[in-house]
Amino acid sequence: MAELLGGSTGVGMPQMSSIHAGDPEEMRARVAEHRARGYRSHSIKIGASEEEGGPALDAERIAASLADSRPGEFFLVDANNGLLPESALRMLRLLPAGLDFTLEAPCATWRETMSLRRRCPYPIIIDELGVEDADIAFTAAGDVADGIGLKISKAGV
């Protein structure tokens, strides 16, 4: 794969753990397990339905997963394009102060993402919304997000 992107740099890339959504304390324990194995970046999956607990449960998941964060760790909170701006804002308002994370793929549409972006205190990155060159240009020109997690398997090379 590296050859398709111009060749290897010879420098190892840090890997990110993936913490699936579940009970907040179980998620906290999984972050600790991954940390003990050397991971310093963690992708925290969220997206509770209203029936499951909605924004309040997702806020608990985030707070628990970041409760023991260490200097130099990086956390993505990945909603997999599953939040409406309203539910994302409800969730963010329930978080304790001082958490440091980036919100990944919060909403399913450009309009929703732009609406949330104007009101979100956390950095936002997109991934599945960015599949064509024009999407990347639109994101940059419109200040739609702080970054892009390019999915090569979806966007191609």
N, C-alpha and C. Protein backbone atom coordinates (compact mmCIF):
# COMPACT_ATOMS: atom_id res chain seq x y z
N MET A 1 0.82 -1.19 0.00
CA MET A 1 0.00 0.00 0.00
C MET A 1 0.87 1.26 0.00
N ALA A 2 1.96 1.25 0.74
CA ALA A 2 2.81 2.45 0.80
C ALA A 2 3.29 2.86 -0.58
N GLU A 3 3.57 1.89 -1.44
CA GLU A 3 4.06 2.21 -2.78
C GLU A 3 3.01 2.96 -3.58
N LEU A 4 1.74 2.63 -3.38
CA LEU A 4 0.68 3.34 -4.08
C LEU A 4 0.60 4.81 -3.68
N LEU A 5 1.09 5.11 -2.48
CA LEU A 5 1.03 6.49 -1.98
C LEU A 5 2.37 7.21 -2.07
N GLY A 6 3.31 6.62 -2.80
CA GLY A 6 4.58 7.31 -3.00
C GLY A 6 5.75 6.65 -2.31
N GLY A 7 5.56 5.58 -1.61
CA GLY A 7 6.65 4.85 -0.98
C GLY A 7 6.71 5.07 0.51
N SER A 8 7.44 4.22 1.16
CA SER A 8 7.59 4.26 2.61
C SER A 8 8.50 5.40 3.04
N THR A 9 8.21 5.97 4.18
CA THR A 9 9.07 7.00 4.76
C THR A 9 10.15 6.37 5.63
N GLY A 10 9.97 5.09 5.96
CA GLY A 10 10.91 4.43 6.85
C GLY A 10 10.64 4.73 8.32
N VAL A 11 9.61 5.53 8.58
CA VAL A 11 9.26 5.89 9.95
C VAL A 11 7.94 5.18 10.29
N GLY A 12 7.94 4.47 11.40
CA GLY A 12 6.73 3.77 11.81
C GLY A 12 5.59 4.72 12.12
N MET A 13 4.40 4.32 11.79
CA MET A 13 3.21 5.12 12.07
C MET A 13 2.55 4.62 13.34
N PRO A 14 2.17 5.51 14.23
CA PRO A 14 1.46 5.06 15.43
C PRO A 14 0.10 4.49 15.05
N GLN A 15 -0.31 3.48 15.76
CA GLN A 15 -1.61 2.88 15.51
C GLN A 15 -2.61 3.37 16.53
N MET A 16 -3.86 3.39 16.11
CA MET A 16 -4.94 3.86 16.97
C MET A 16 -5.81 2.68 17.38
N SER A 17 -6.12 2.60 18.66
CA SER A 17 -7.03 1.55 19.11
C SER A 17 -8.45 1.94 18.74
N SER A 18 -9.32 0.95 18.68
CA SER A 18 -10.73 1.18 18.39
C SER A 18 -11.53 0.64 19.56
N ILE A 19 -12.25 1.52 20.22
CA ILE A 19 -13.03 1.17 21.41
C ILE A 19 -14.51 1.20 21.03
N HIS A 20 -15.10 -0.01 20.88
CA HIS A 20 -16.50 -0.06 20.45
C HIS A 20 -17.42 0.45 21.55
N ALA A 21 -18.58 0.96 21.13
CA ALA A 21 -19.55 1.52 22.06
C ALA A 21 -20.10 0.42 22.95
N GLY A 22 -20.28 0.77 24.21
CA GLY A 22 -20.83 -0.17 25.17
C GLY A 22 -21.03 0.52 26.50
N ASP A 23 -20.95 -0.26 27.56
CA ASP A 23 -21.05 0.28 28.91
C ASP A 23 -19.88 1.23 29.15
N PRO A 24 -20.12 2.43 29.69
CA PRO A 24 -19.04 3.40 29.87
C PRO A 24 -17.83 2.86 30.66
N GLU A 25 -18.07 2.14 31.74
CA GLU A 25 -16.93 1.64 32.52
C GLU A 25 -16.18 0.52 31.78
N GLU A 26 -16.89 -0.26 30.98
CA GLU A 26 -16.22 -1.26 30.15
C GLU A 26 -15.35 -0.57 29.09
N MET A 27 -15.84 0.53 28.54
CA MET A 27 -15.05 1.28 27.56
C MET A 27 -13.80 1.86 28.23
N ARG A 28 -13.94 2.36 29.44
CA ARG A 28 -12.80 2.88 30.18
C ARG A 28 -11.76 1.78 30.38
N ALA A 29 -12.21 0.58 30.73
CA ALA A 29 -11.30 -0.55 30.93
C ALA A 29 -10.62 -0.94 29.61
N ARG A 30 -11.34 -0.89 28.49
CA ARG A 30 -10.73 -1.23 27.20
C ARG A 30 -9.66 -0.21 26.82
N VAL A 31 -9.91 1.08 27.09
CA VAL A 31 -8.87 2.09 26.83
C VAL A 31 -7.63 1.76 27.66
N ALA A 32 -7.81 1.43 28.93
CA ALA A 32 -6.69 1.09 29.80
C ALA A 32 -5.93 -0.13 29.27
N GLU A 33 -6.65 -1.13 28.79
CA GLU A 33 -6.00 -2.32 28.22
C GLU A 33 -5.17 -1.96 27.00
N HIS A 34 -5.73 -1.14 26.12
CA HIS A 34 -4.99 -0.73 24.92
C HIS A 34 -3.80 0.14 25.30
N ARG A 35 -3.96 1.02 26.26
CA ARG A 35 -2.86 1.86 26.74
C ARG A 35 -1.72 0.97 27.24
N ALA A 36 -2.06 -0.07 28.00
CA ALA A 36 -1.04 -0.98 28.53
C ALA A 36 -0.31 -1.72 27.41
N ARG A 37 -0.95 -1.88 26.26
CA ARG A 37 -0.32 -2.53 25.11
C ARG A 37 0.46 -1.55 24.25
N GLY A 38 0.48 -0.27 24.64
CA GLY A 38 1.30 0.71 23.94
C GLY A 38 0.56 1.70 23.06
N TYR A 39 -0.74 1.57 22.95
CA TYR A 39 -1.49 2.53 22.14
C TYR A 39 -1.53 3.88 22.85
N ARG A 40 -1.36 4.95 22.06
CA ARG A 40 -1.44 6.31 22.60
C ARG A 40 -2.52 7.13 21.91
N SER A 41 -3.22 6.49 20.98
CA SER A 41 -4.36 7.10 20.30
C SER A 41 -5.52 6.13 20.36
N HIS A 42 -6.71 6.68 20.57
CA HIS A 42 -7.87 5.84 20.75
C HIS A 42 -9.07 6.44 20.02
N SER A 43 -9.79 5.59 19.30
CA SER A 43 -11.01 5.98 18.63
C SER A 43 -12.18 5.43 19.44
N ILE A 44 -12.93 6.34 20.03
CA ILE A 44 -14.05 6.00 20.90
C ILE A 44 -15.33 6.04 20.08
N LYS A 45 -16.01 4.92 19.96
CA LYS A 45 -17.23 4.86 19.16
C LYS A 45 -18.44 5.25 20.01
N ILE A 46 -19.29 6.11 19.43
CA ILE A 46 -20.51 6.54 20.10
C ILE A 46 -21.67 6.45 19.12
N GLY A 47 -22.86 6.79 19.58
CA GLY A 47 -24.02 6.81 18.71
C GLY A 47 -25.22 6.10 19.31
N ALA A 48 -25.46 6.32 20.58
CA ALA A 48 -26.58 5.67 21.26
C ALA A 48 -27.91 6.22 20.75
N SER A 49 -28.85 5.33 20.50
CA SER A 49 -30.20 5.77 20.13
C SER A 49 -30.87 6.34 21.38
N GLU A 50 -31.96 7.05 21.17
CA GLU A 50 -32.71 7.60 22.30
C GLU A 50 -33.16 6.48 23.24
N GLU A 51 -33.55 5.34 22.68
CA GLU A 51 -34.00 4.21 23.49
C GLU A 51 -32.87 3.65 24.35
N GLU A 52 -31.65 3.72 23.86
CA GLU A 52 -30.49 3.20 24.61
C GLU A 52 -30.01 4.18 25.69
N GLY A 53 -30.34 5.44 25.53
CA GLY A 53 -29.85 6.45 26.46
C GLY A 53 -29.41 7.72 25.77
N GLY A 54 -29.36 7.71 24.45
CA GLY A 54 -29.10 8.89 23.64
C GLY A 54 -27.86 9.69 24.03
N PRO A 55 -27.96 11.01 23.91
CA PRO A 55 -26.82 11.88 24.20
C PRO A 55 -26.26 11.71 25.61
N ALA A 56 -27.10 11.43 26.58
CA ALA A 56 -26.60 11.26 27.95
C ALA A 56 -25.67 10.05 28.05
N LEU A 57 -26.05 8.93 27.42
CA LEU A 57 -25.19 7.75 27.44
C LEU A 57 -23.89 8.01 26.69
N ASP A 58 -23.98 8.67 25.54
CA ASP A 58 -22.76 8.97 24.80
C ASP A 58 -21.82 9.89 25.58
N ALA A 59 -22.38 10.86 26.29
CA ALA A 59 -21.54 11.73 27.13
C ALA A 59 -20.86 10.91 28.23
N GLU A 60 -21.57 9.96 28.82
CA GLU A 60 -20.96 9.09 29.83
C GLU A 60 -19.85 8.24 29.22
N ARG A 61 -20.07 7.75 28.01
CA ARG A 61 -19.06 6.94 27.33
C ARG A 61 -17.78 7.75 27.10
N ILE A 62 -17.95 8.98 26.63
CA ILE A 62 -16.79 9.83 26.37
C ILE A 62 -16.06 10.14 27.67
N ALA A 63 -16.79 10.59 28.68
CA ALA A 63 -16.18 10.96 29.96
C ALA A 63 -15.43 9.77 30.56
N ALA A 64 -16.02 8.59 30.52
CA ALA A 64 -15.36 7.40 31.09
C ALA A 64 -14.12 7.03 30.29
N SER A 65 -14.22 7.08 28.98
CA SER A 65 -13.09 6.68 28.13
C SER A 65 -11.90 7.63 28.28
N LEU A 66 -12.16 8.89 28.56
CA LEU A 66 -11.09 9.88 28.70
C LEU A 66 -10.70 10.13 30.15
N ALA A 67 -11.34 9.45 31.09
CA ALA A 67 -11.14 9.73 32.51
C ALA A 67 -9.70 9.58 32.96
N ASP A 68 -8.97 8.66 32.39
CA ASP A 68 -7.59 8.40 32.80
C ASP A 68 -6.58 8.83 31.75
N SER A 69 -6.96 9.77 30.88
CA SER A 69 -6.08 10.15 29.77
C SER A 69 -4.73 10.65 30.28
N ARG A 70 -3.72 10.39 29.48
CA ARG A 70 -2.35 10.73 29.83
C ARG A 70 -1.82 11.80 28.87
N PRO A 71 -0.83 12.56 29.30
CA PRO A 71 -0.22 13.54 28.38
C PRO A 71 0.28 12.83 27.12
N GLY A 72 0.00 13.45 25.99
CA GLY A 72 0.44 12.89 24.72
C GLY A 72 -0.55 11.94 24.07
N GLU A 73 -1.60 11.57 24.77
CA GLU A 73 -2.61 10.71 24.16
C GLU A 73 -3.54 11.55 23.28
N PHE A 74 -4.07 10.89 22.27
CA PHE A 74 -5.00 11.53 21.34
C PHE A 74 -6.27 10.70 21.28
N PHE A 75 -7.42 11.37 21.38
CA PHE A 75 -8.70 10.69 21.35
C PHE A 75 -9.57 11.23 20.21
N LEU A 76 -10.08 10.32 19.41
CA LEU A 76 -11.14 10.63 18.45
C LEU A 76 -12.44 10.10 19.04
N VAL A 77 -13.49 10.87 18.94
CA VAL A 77 -14.82 10.40 19.32
C VAL A 77 -15.58 10.26 18.01
N ASP A 78 -15.81 9.03 17.59
CA ASP A 78 -16.34 8.73 16.27
C ASP A 78 -17.82 8.38 16.34
N ALA A 79 -18.63 9.24 15.73
CA ALA A 79 -20.07 9.02 15.69
C ALA A 79 -20.51 8.30 14.42
N ASN A 80 -19.57 8.01 13.53
CA ASN A 80 -19.90 7.29 12.28
C ASN A 80 -21.09 7.91 11.56
N ASN A 81 -21.10 9.23 11.48
CA ASN A 81 -22.13 9.98 10.77
C ASN A 81 -23.54 9.74 11.32
N GLY A 82 -23.64 9.41 12.62
CA GLY A 82 -24.92 9.00 13.18
C GLY A 82 -25.65 10.01 14.03
N LEU A 83 -25.11 11.23 14.18
CA LEU A 83 -25.77 12.21 15.05
C LEU A 83 -26.44 13.31 14.24
N LEU A 84 -27.53 13.80 14.75
CA LEU A 84 -28.10 15.05 14.26
C LEU A 84 -27.42 16.18 15.03
N PRO A 85 -27.33 17.36 14.46
CA PRO A 85 -26.70 18.46 15.20
C PRO A 85 -27.31 18.66 16.59
N GLU A 86 -28.61 18.55 16.68
CA GLU A 86 -29.31 18.75 17.97
C GLU A 86 -28.84 17.73 19.00
N SER A 87 -28.74 16.46 18.63
CA SER A 87 -28.32 15.45 19.60
C SER A 87 -26.83 15.58 19.92
N ALA A 88 -26.03 15.97 18.94
CA ALA A 88 -24.61 16.20 19.20
C ALA A 88 -24.42 17.34 20.21
N LEU A 89 -25.16 18.42 20.04
CA LEU A 89 -25.05 19.55 20.96
C LEU A 89 -25.54 19.18 22.36
N ARG A 90 -26.61 18.40 22.43
CA ARG A 90 -27.08 17.93 23.75
C ARG A 90 -25.99 17.12 24.43
N MET A 91 -25.36 16.23 23.69
CA MET A 91 -24.29 15.39 24.24
C MET A 91 -23.11 16.25 24.72
N LEU A 92 -22.68 17.19 23.89
CA LEU A 92 -21.53 18.01 24.23
C LEU A 92 -21.77 18.85 25.48
N ARG A 93 -23.00 19.31 25.67
CA ARG A 93 -23.33 20.11 26.85
C ARG A 93 -23.31 19.30 28.14
N LEU A 94 -23.40 17.98 28.03
CA LEU A 94 -23.39 17.11 29.21
C LEU A 94 -21.98 16.68 29.62
N LEU A 95 -20.99 17.01 28.83
CA LEU A 95 -19.61 16.58 29.13
C LEU A 95 -18.99 17.43 30.24
N PRO A 96 -18.15 16.82 31.07
CA PRO A 96 -17.41 17.61 32.05
C PRO A 96 -16.39 18.51 31.33
N ALA A 97 -16.05 19.60 31.96
CA ALA A 97 -15.08 20.53 31.39
C ALA A 97 -13.69 19.89 31.32
N GLY A 98 -12.92 20.35 30.36
CA GLY A 98 -11.52 19.96 30.30
C GLY A 98 -11.19 18.74 29.48
N LEU A 99 -12.17 18.09 28.87
CA LEU A 99 -11.87 16.93 28.04
C LEU A 99 -11.25 17.39 26.72
N ASP A 100 -10.29 16.61 26.23
CA ASP A 100 -9.56 16.97 25.02
C ASP A 100 -9.74 15.84 24.01
N PHE A 101 -10.53 16.10 22.98
CA PHE A 101 -10.75 15.11 21.93
C PHE A 101 -11.14 15.82 20.64
N THR A 102 -11.15 15.05 19.57
CA THR A 102 -11.62 15.51 18.27
C THR A 102 -12.84 14.70 17.91
N LEU A 103 -13.87 15.35 17.42
CA LEU A 103 -15.11 14.70 17.03
C LEU A 103 -15.00 14.28 15.56
N GLU A 104 -15.13 12.97 15.33
CA GLU A 104 -15.01 12.45 13.97
C GLU A 104 -16.37 12.07 13.41
N ALA A 105 -16.60 12.50 12.18
CA ALA A 105 -17.80 12.12 11.42
C ALA A 105 -19.07 12.24 12.26
N PRO A 106 -19.37 13.43 12.76
CA PRO A 106 -20.54 13.53 13.63
C PRO A 106 -21.87 13.36 12.90
N CYS A 107 -21.99 13.89 11.69
CA CYS A 107 -23.29 13.94 11.02
C CYS A 107 -23.25 13.32 9.62
N ALA A 108 -24.41 12.96 9.12
CA ALA A 108 -24.51 12.24 7.85
C ALA A 108 -24.47 13.13 6.61
N THR A 109 -24.72 14.43 6.77
CA THR A 109 -24.78 15.31 5.60
C THR A 109 -23.86 16.51 5.79
N TRP A 110 -23.54 17.14 4.67
CA TRP A 110 -22.74 18.36 4.72
C TRP A 110 -23.48 19.45 5.49
N ARG A 111 -24.78 19.61 5.22
CA ARG A 111 -25.55 20.66 5.88
C ARG A 111 -25.54 20.49 7.39
N GLU A 112 -25.76 19.26 7.86
CA GLU A 112 -25.75 19.00 9.29
C GLU A 112 -24.37 19.24 9.90
N THR A 113 -23.34 18.80 9.19
CA THR A 113 -21.98 18.98 9.69
C THR A 113 -21.63 20.47 9.79
N MET A 114 -22.02 21.25 8.78
CA MET A 114 -21.74 22.69 8.82
C MET A 114 -22.53 23.38 9.92
N SER A 115 -23.75 22.95 10.15
CA SER A 115 -24.56 23.51 11.23
C SER A 115 -23.91 23.23 12.59
N LEU A 116 -23.47 22.01 12.79
CA LEU A 116 -22.80 21.66 14.05
C LEU A 116 -21.49 22.39 14.19
N ARG A 117 -20.72 22.48 13.13
CA ARG A 117 -19.39 23.11 13.16
C ARG A 117 -19.44 24.52 13.73
N ARG A 118 -20.45 25.27 13.37
CA ARG A 118 -20.58 26.67 13.85
C ARG A 118 -20.78 26.75 15.36
N ARG A 119 -21.25 25.65 15.98
CA ARG A 119 -21.61 25.68 17.39
C ARG A 119 -20.83 24.71 18.26
N CYS A 120 -19.88 24.00 17.68
CA CYS A 120 -19.16 22.95 18.38
C CYS A 120 -17.83 23.47 18.94
N PRO A 121 -17.58 23.28 20.23
CA PRO A 121 -16.32 23.75 20.81
C PRO A 121 -15.13 22.81 20.57
N TYR A 122 -15.37 21.67 19.94
CA TYR A 122 -14.32 20.69 19.70
C TYR A 122 -13.96 20.63 18.22
N PRO A 123 -12.71 20.29 17.91
CA PRO A 123 -12.35 20.11 16.51
C PRO A 123 -13.19 18.99 15.89
N ILE A 124 -13.48 19.14 14.61
CA ILE A 124 -14.24 18.14 13.86
C ILE A 124 -13.41 17.68 12.68
N ILE A 125 -13.40 16.37 12.46
CA ILE A 125 -12.86 15.85 11.21
C ILE A 125 -13.95 15.05 10.53
N ILE A 126 -13.87 15.02 9.21
CA ILE A 126 -14.81 14.23 8.43
C ILE A 126 -14.07 13.03 7.86
N ASP A 127 -14.81 12.02 7.48
CA ASP A 127 -14.19 10.92 6.75
C ASP A 127 -15.11 10.49 5.60
N GLU A 128 -16.19 9.78 5.87
CA GLU A 128 -17.04 9.27 4.81
C GLU A 128 -17.64 10.36 3.90
N LEU A 129 -17.78 11.57 4.38
CA LEU A 129 -18.29 12.64 3.52
C LEU A 129 -17.28 13.05 2.45
N GLY A 130 -16.01 12.79 2.69
CA GLY A 130 -14.96 13.19 1.76
C GLY A 130 -14.56 12.06 0.84
N VAL A 131 -15.25 11.91 -0.29
CA VAL A 131 -14.95 10.81 -1.20
C VAL A 131 -14.44 11.26 -2.57
N GLU A 132 -14.61 12.52 -2.89
CA GLU A 132 -14.15 13.04 -4.17
C GLU A 132 -13.26 14.25 -3.94
N ASP A 133 -12.46 14.58 -4.94
CA ASP A 133 -11.58 15.75 -4.83
C ASP A 133 -12.37 17.00 -4.47
N ALA A 134 -13.54 17.15 -5.06
CA ALA A 134 -14.36 18.34 -4.80
C ALA A 134 -14.79 18.41 -3.34
N ASP A 135 -14.99 17.26 -2.70
CA ASP A 135 -15.36 17.24 -1.29
C ASP A 135 -14.24 17.81 -0.42
N ILE A 136 -13.01 17.45 -0.75
CA ILE A 136 -11.85 17.94 0.01
C ILE A 136 -11.72 19.45 -0.18
N ALA A 137 -11.86 19.91 -1.41
CA ALA A 137 -11.79 21.34 -1.69
C ALA A 137 -12.91 22.09 -0.98
N PHE A 138 -14.12 21.54 -1.00
CA PHE A 138 -15.26 22.15 -0.33
C PHE A 138 -15.01 22.25 1.17
N THR A 139 -14.47 21.20 1.76
CA THR A 139 -14.18 21.19 3.20
C THR A 139 -13.20 22.29 3.56
N ALA A 140 -12.14 22.40 2.78
CA ALA A 140 -11.11 23.41 3.06
C ALA A 140 -11.63 24.83 2.80
N ALA A 141 -12.24 25.05 1.66
CA ALA A 141 -12.69 26.39 1.29
C ALA A 141 -13.80 26.89 2.22
N GLY A 142 -14.66 26.00 2.67
CA GLY A 142 -15.79 26.39 3.51
C GLY A 142 -15.53 26.27 4.99
N ASP A 143 -14.30 25.91 5.37
CA ASP A 143 -13.96 25.70 6.78
C ASP A 143 -15.00 24.80 7.45
N VAL A 144 -15.32 23.71 6.77
CA VAL A 144 -16.35 22.79 7.23
C VAL A 144 -15.85 21.90 8.36
N ALA A 145 -14.55 21.63 8.36
CA ALA A 145 -13.97 20.75 9.37
C ALA A 145 -12.51 21.15 9.60
N ASP A 146 -11.97 20.63 10.69
CA ASP A 146 -10.56 20.90 11.01
C ASP A 146 -9.62 19.92 10.34
N GLY A 147 -10.17 18.81 9.88
CA GLY A 147 -9.33 17.80 9.25
C GLY A 147 -10.16 16.79 8.50
N ILE A 148 -9.46 15.92 7.80
CA ILE A 148 -10.10 14.89 6.99
C ILE A 148 -9.40 13.57 7.25
N GLY A 149 -10.17 12.56 7.58
CA GLY A 149 -9.65 11.21 7.69
C GLY A 149 -9.97 10.51 6.37
N LEU A 150 -9.06 10.60 5.42
CA LEU A 150 -9.30 10.08 4.08
C LEU A 150 -9.35 8.56 4.08
N LYS A 151 -10.43 8.00 3.61
CA LYS A 151 -10.61 6.56 3.50
C LYS A 151 -10.23 6.14 2.10
N ILE A 152 -9.00 5.69 1.95
CA ILE A 152 -8.50 5.36 0.62
C ILE A 152 -9.34 4.26 -0.01
N SER A 153 -9.81 3.32 0.77
CA SER A 153 -10.60 2.22 0.22
C SER A 153 -11.92 2.72 -0.36
N LYS A 154 -12.39 3.87 0.10
CA LYS A 154 -13.66 4.42 -0.42
C LYS A 154 -13.40 5.48 -1.49
N ALA A 155 -12.34 6.27 -1.31
CA ALA A 155 -12.08 7.37 -2.25
C ALA A 155 -11.22 6.92 -3.41
N GLY A 156 -10.48 5.83 -3.26
CA GLY A 156 -9.59 5.38 -4.31
C GLY A 156 -8.27 6.12 -4.26
N VAL A 157 -7.40 5.79 -5.19
CA VAL A 157 -6.09 6.45 -5.28
C VAL A 157 -5.86 6.96 -6.66
